[in-house]
Amino acid sequence: MSLINLDLVFNAITSIANPLIKEKILRSETVIKLLQQFHLDPEHPPADFS
């Protein structure tokens, strides 16, 4: 029986998910307000941001 290196699996999954998660987070009004509060404004809000 071969053992699976869970670190490799976790790193592969997170490398795929990171861009998707970041895109979703930057669409949150709460996150944008927090970023602005700490002077970490996003460069550009998404085009379809309301």
N, C-alpha and C. Protein backbone atom coordinates (compact mmCIF):
# COMPACT_ATOMS: atom_id res chain seq x y z
N MET A 1 0.84 -1.17 0.00
CA MET A 1 0.00 0.00 0.00
C MET A 1 0.89 1.24 0.00
N SER A 2 0.63 2.16 -0.92
CA SER A 2 1.45 3.37 -0.98
C SER A 2 0.79 4.48 -0.18
N LEU A 3 1.60 5.26 0.47
CA LEU A 3 1.10 6.38 1.25
C LEU A 3 1.06 7.63 0.38
N ILE A 4 0.03 8.42 0.57
CA ILE A 4 -0.12 9.67 -0.17
C ILE A 4 0.42 10.80 0.69
N ASN A 5 1.27 11.61 0.11
CA ASN A 5 1.80 12.76 0.82
C ASN A 5 0.72 13.84 0.84
N LEU A 6 0.10 14.03 1.99
CA LEU A 6 -1.01 14.98 2.11
C LEU A 6 -0.57 16.41 1.87
N ASP A 7 0.67 16.73 2.15
CA ASP A 7 1.16 18.09 1.88
C ASP A 7 1.09 18.39 0.39
N LEU A 8 1.48 17.43 -0.43
CA LEU A 8 1.43 17.64 -1.88
C LEU A 8 -0.01 17.80 -2.36
N VAL A 9 -0.90 17.00 -1.84
CA VAL A 9 -2.31 17.09 -2.22
C VAL A 9 -2.88 18.44 -1.79
N PHE A 10 -2.61 18.84 -0.55
CA PHE A 10 -3.11 20.12 -0.04
C PHE A 10 -2.56 21.28 -0.86
N ASN A 11 -1.28 21.27 -1.16
CA ASN A 11 -0.67 22.35 -1.95
C ASN A 11 -1.26 22.41 -3.35
N ALA A 12 -1.52 21.27 -3.95
CA ALA A 12 -2.12 21.26 -5.29
C ALA A 12 -3.52 21.85 -5.27
N ILE A 13 -4.30 21.48 -4.27
CA ILE A 13 -5.67 21.99 -4.17
C ILE A 13 -5.67 23.49 -3.91
N THR A 14 -4.84 23.95 -2.99
CA THR A 14 -4.82 25.38 -2.67
C THR A 14 -4.29 26.22 -3.82
N SER A 15 -3.36 25.69 -4.60
CA SER A 15 -2.85 26.46 -5.74
C SER A 15 -3.93 26.65 -6.80
N ILE A 16 -4.84 25.71 -6.90
CA ILE A 16 -5.95 25.83 -7.84
C ILE A 16 -7.02 26.76 -7.28
N ALA A 17 -7.29 26.66 -5.99
CA ALA A 17 -8.39 27.40 -5.38
C ALA A 17 -8.06 28.86 -5.09
N ASN A 18 -6.80 29.20 -4.88
CA ASN A 18 -6.43 30.56 -4.50
C ASN A 18 -6.97 31.64 -5.44
N PRO A 19 -6.80 31.55 -6.74
CA PRO A 19 -7.34 32.60 -7.62
C PRO A 19 -8.86 32.70 -7.54
N LEU A 20 -9.54 31.57 -7.41
CA LEU A 20 -11.00 31.57 -7.33
C LEU A 20 -11.47 32.24 -6.04
N ILE A 21 -10.80 31.91 -4.95
CA ILE A 21 -11.16 32.48 -3.65
C ILE A 21 -10.88 33.98 -3.64
N LYS A 22 -9.74 34.38 -4.16
CA LYS A 22 -9.37 35.79 -4.18
C LYS A 22 -10.40 36.59 -4.98
N GLU A 23 -10.82 36.07 -6.11
CA GLU A 23 -11.80 36.77 -6.94
C GLU A 23 -13.12 36.94 -6.19
N LYS A 24 -13.56 35.90 -5.51
CA LYS A 24 -14.81 35.96 -4.74
C LYS A 24 -14.70 36.96 -3.59
N ILE A 25 -13.58 36.94 -2.89
CA ILE A 25 -13.40 37.82 -1.74
C ILE A 25 -13.40 39.28 -2.16
N LEU A 26 -12.75 39.60 -3.28
CA LEU A 26 -12.67 40.99 -3.72
C LEU A 26 -14.01 41.54 -4.19
N ARG A 27 -15.01 40.69 -4.29
CA ARG A 27 -16.35 41.15 -4.65
C ARG A 27 -17.21 41.43 -3.42
N SER A 28 -16.66 41.20 -2.25
CA SER A 28 -17.40 41.42 -1.01
C SER A 28 -17.26 42.88 -0.57
N GLU A 29 -18.39 43.52 -0.36
CA GLU A 29 -18.38 44.92 0.07
C GLU A 29 -17.67 45.07 1.41
N THR A 30 -17.88 44.12 2.31
CA THR A 30 -17.25 44.16 3.63
C THR A 30 -15.73 44.09 3.51
N VAL A 31 -15.25 43.22 2.66
CA VAL A 31 -13.79 43.08 2.48
C VAL A 31 -13.21 44.35 1.89
N ILE A 32 -13.90 44.94 0.92
CA ILE A 32 -13.39 46.17 0.31
C ILE A 32 -13.36 47.30 1.33
N LYS A 33 -14.38 47.39 2.17
CA LYS A 33 -14.38 48.42 3.22
C LYS A 33 -13.23 48.20 4.21
N LEU A 34 -12.97 46.96 4.58
CA LEU A 34 -11.85 46.67 5.48
C LEU A 34 -10.51 47.03 4.84
N LEU A 35 -10.35 46.70 3.58
CA LEU A 35 -9.12 47.04 2.87
C LEU A 35 -8.93 48.55 2.84
N GLN A 36 -9.99 49.29 2.58
CA GLN A 36 -9.91 50.74 2.55
C GLN A 36 -9.58 51.30 3.93
N GLN A 37 -10.15 50.71 4.97
CA GLN A 37 -9.90 51.16 6.34
C GLN A 37 -8.41 51.06 6.68
N PHE A 38 -7.75 50.03 6.19
CA PHE A 38 -6.33 49.83 6.47
C PHE A 38 -5.44 50.34 5.34
N HIS A 39 -6.01 51.18 4.48
CA HIS A 39 -5.28 51.78 3.36
C HIS A 39 -4.64 50.73 2.46
N LEU A 40 -5.38 49.65 2.24
CA LEU A 40 -4.93 48.58 1.35
C LEU A 40 -5.96 48.43 0.22
N ASP A 41 -6.33 49.56 -0.36
CA ASP A 41 -7.36 49.55 -1.40
C ASP A 41 -6.97 48.60 -2.52
N PRO A 42 -7.96 47.85 -3.01
CA PRO A 42 -7.68 47.03 -4.21
C PRO A 42 -7.41 47.97 -5.38
N GLU A 43 -6.58 47.53 -6.32
CA GLU A 43 -6.24 48.39 -7.46
C GLU A 43 -7.47 48.83 -8.22
N HIS A 44 -8.31 47.88 -8.58
CA HIS A 44 -9.53 48.17 -9.32
C HIS A 44 -10.61 47.23 -8.85
N PRO A 45 -11.77 47.74 -8.51
CA PRO A 45 -12.86 46.81 -8.20
C PRO A 45 -13.29 46.09 -9.47
N PRO A 46 -13.83 44.91 -9.36
CA PRO A 46 -14.28 44.19 -10.55
C PRO A 46 -15.31 45.02 -11.32
N ALA A 47 -15.35 44.85 -12.63
CA ALA A 47 -16.24 45.62 -13.49
C ALA A 47 -17.70 45.43 -13.12
N ASP A 48 -18.06 44.25 -12.66
CA ASP A 48 -19.47 43.99 -12.34
C ASP A 48 -19.77 44.18 -10.86
N PHE A 49 -18.91 44.89 -10.14
CA PHE A 49 -19.13 45.14 -8.72
C PHE A 49 -20.18 46.22 -8.57
N SER A 50 -21.17 45.95 -7.74
CA SER A 50 -22.28 46.93 -7.60
C SER A 50 -21.97 47.94 -6.51
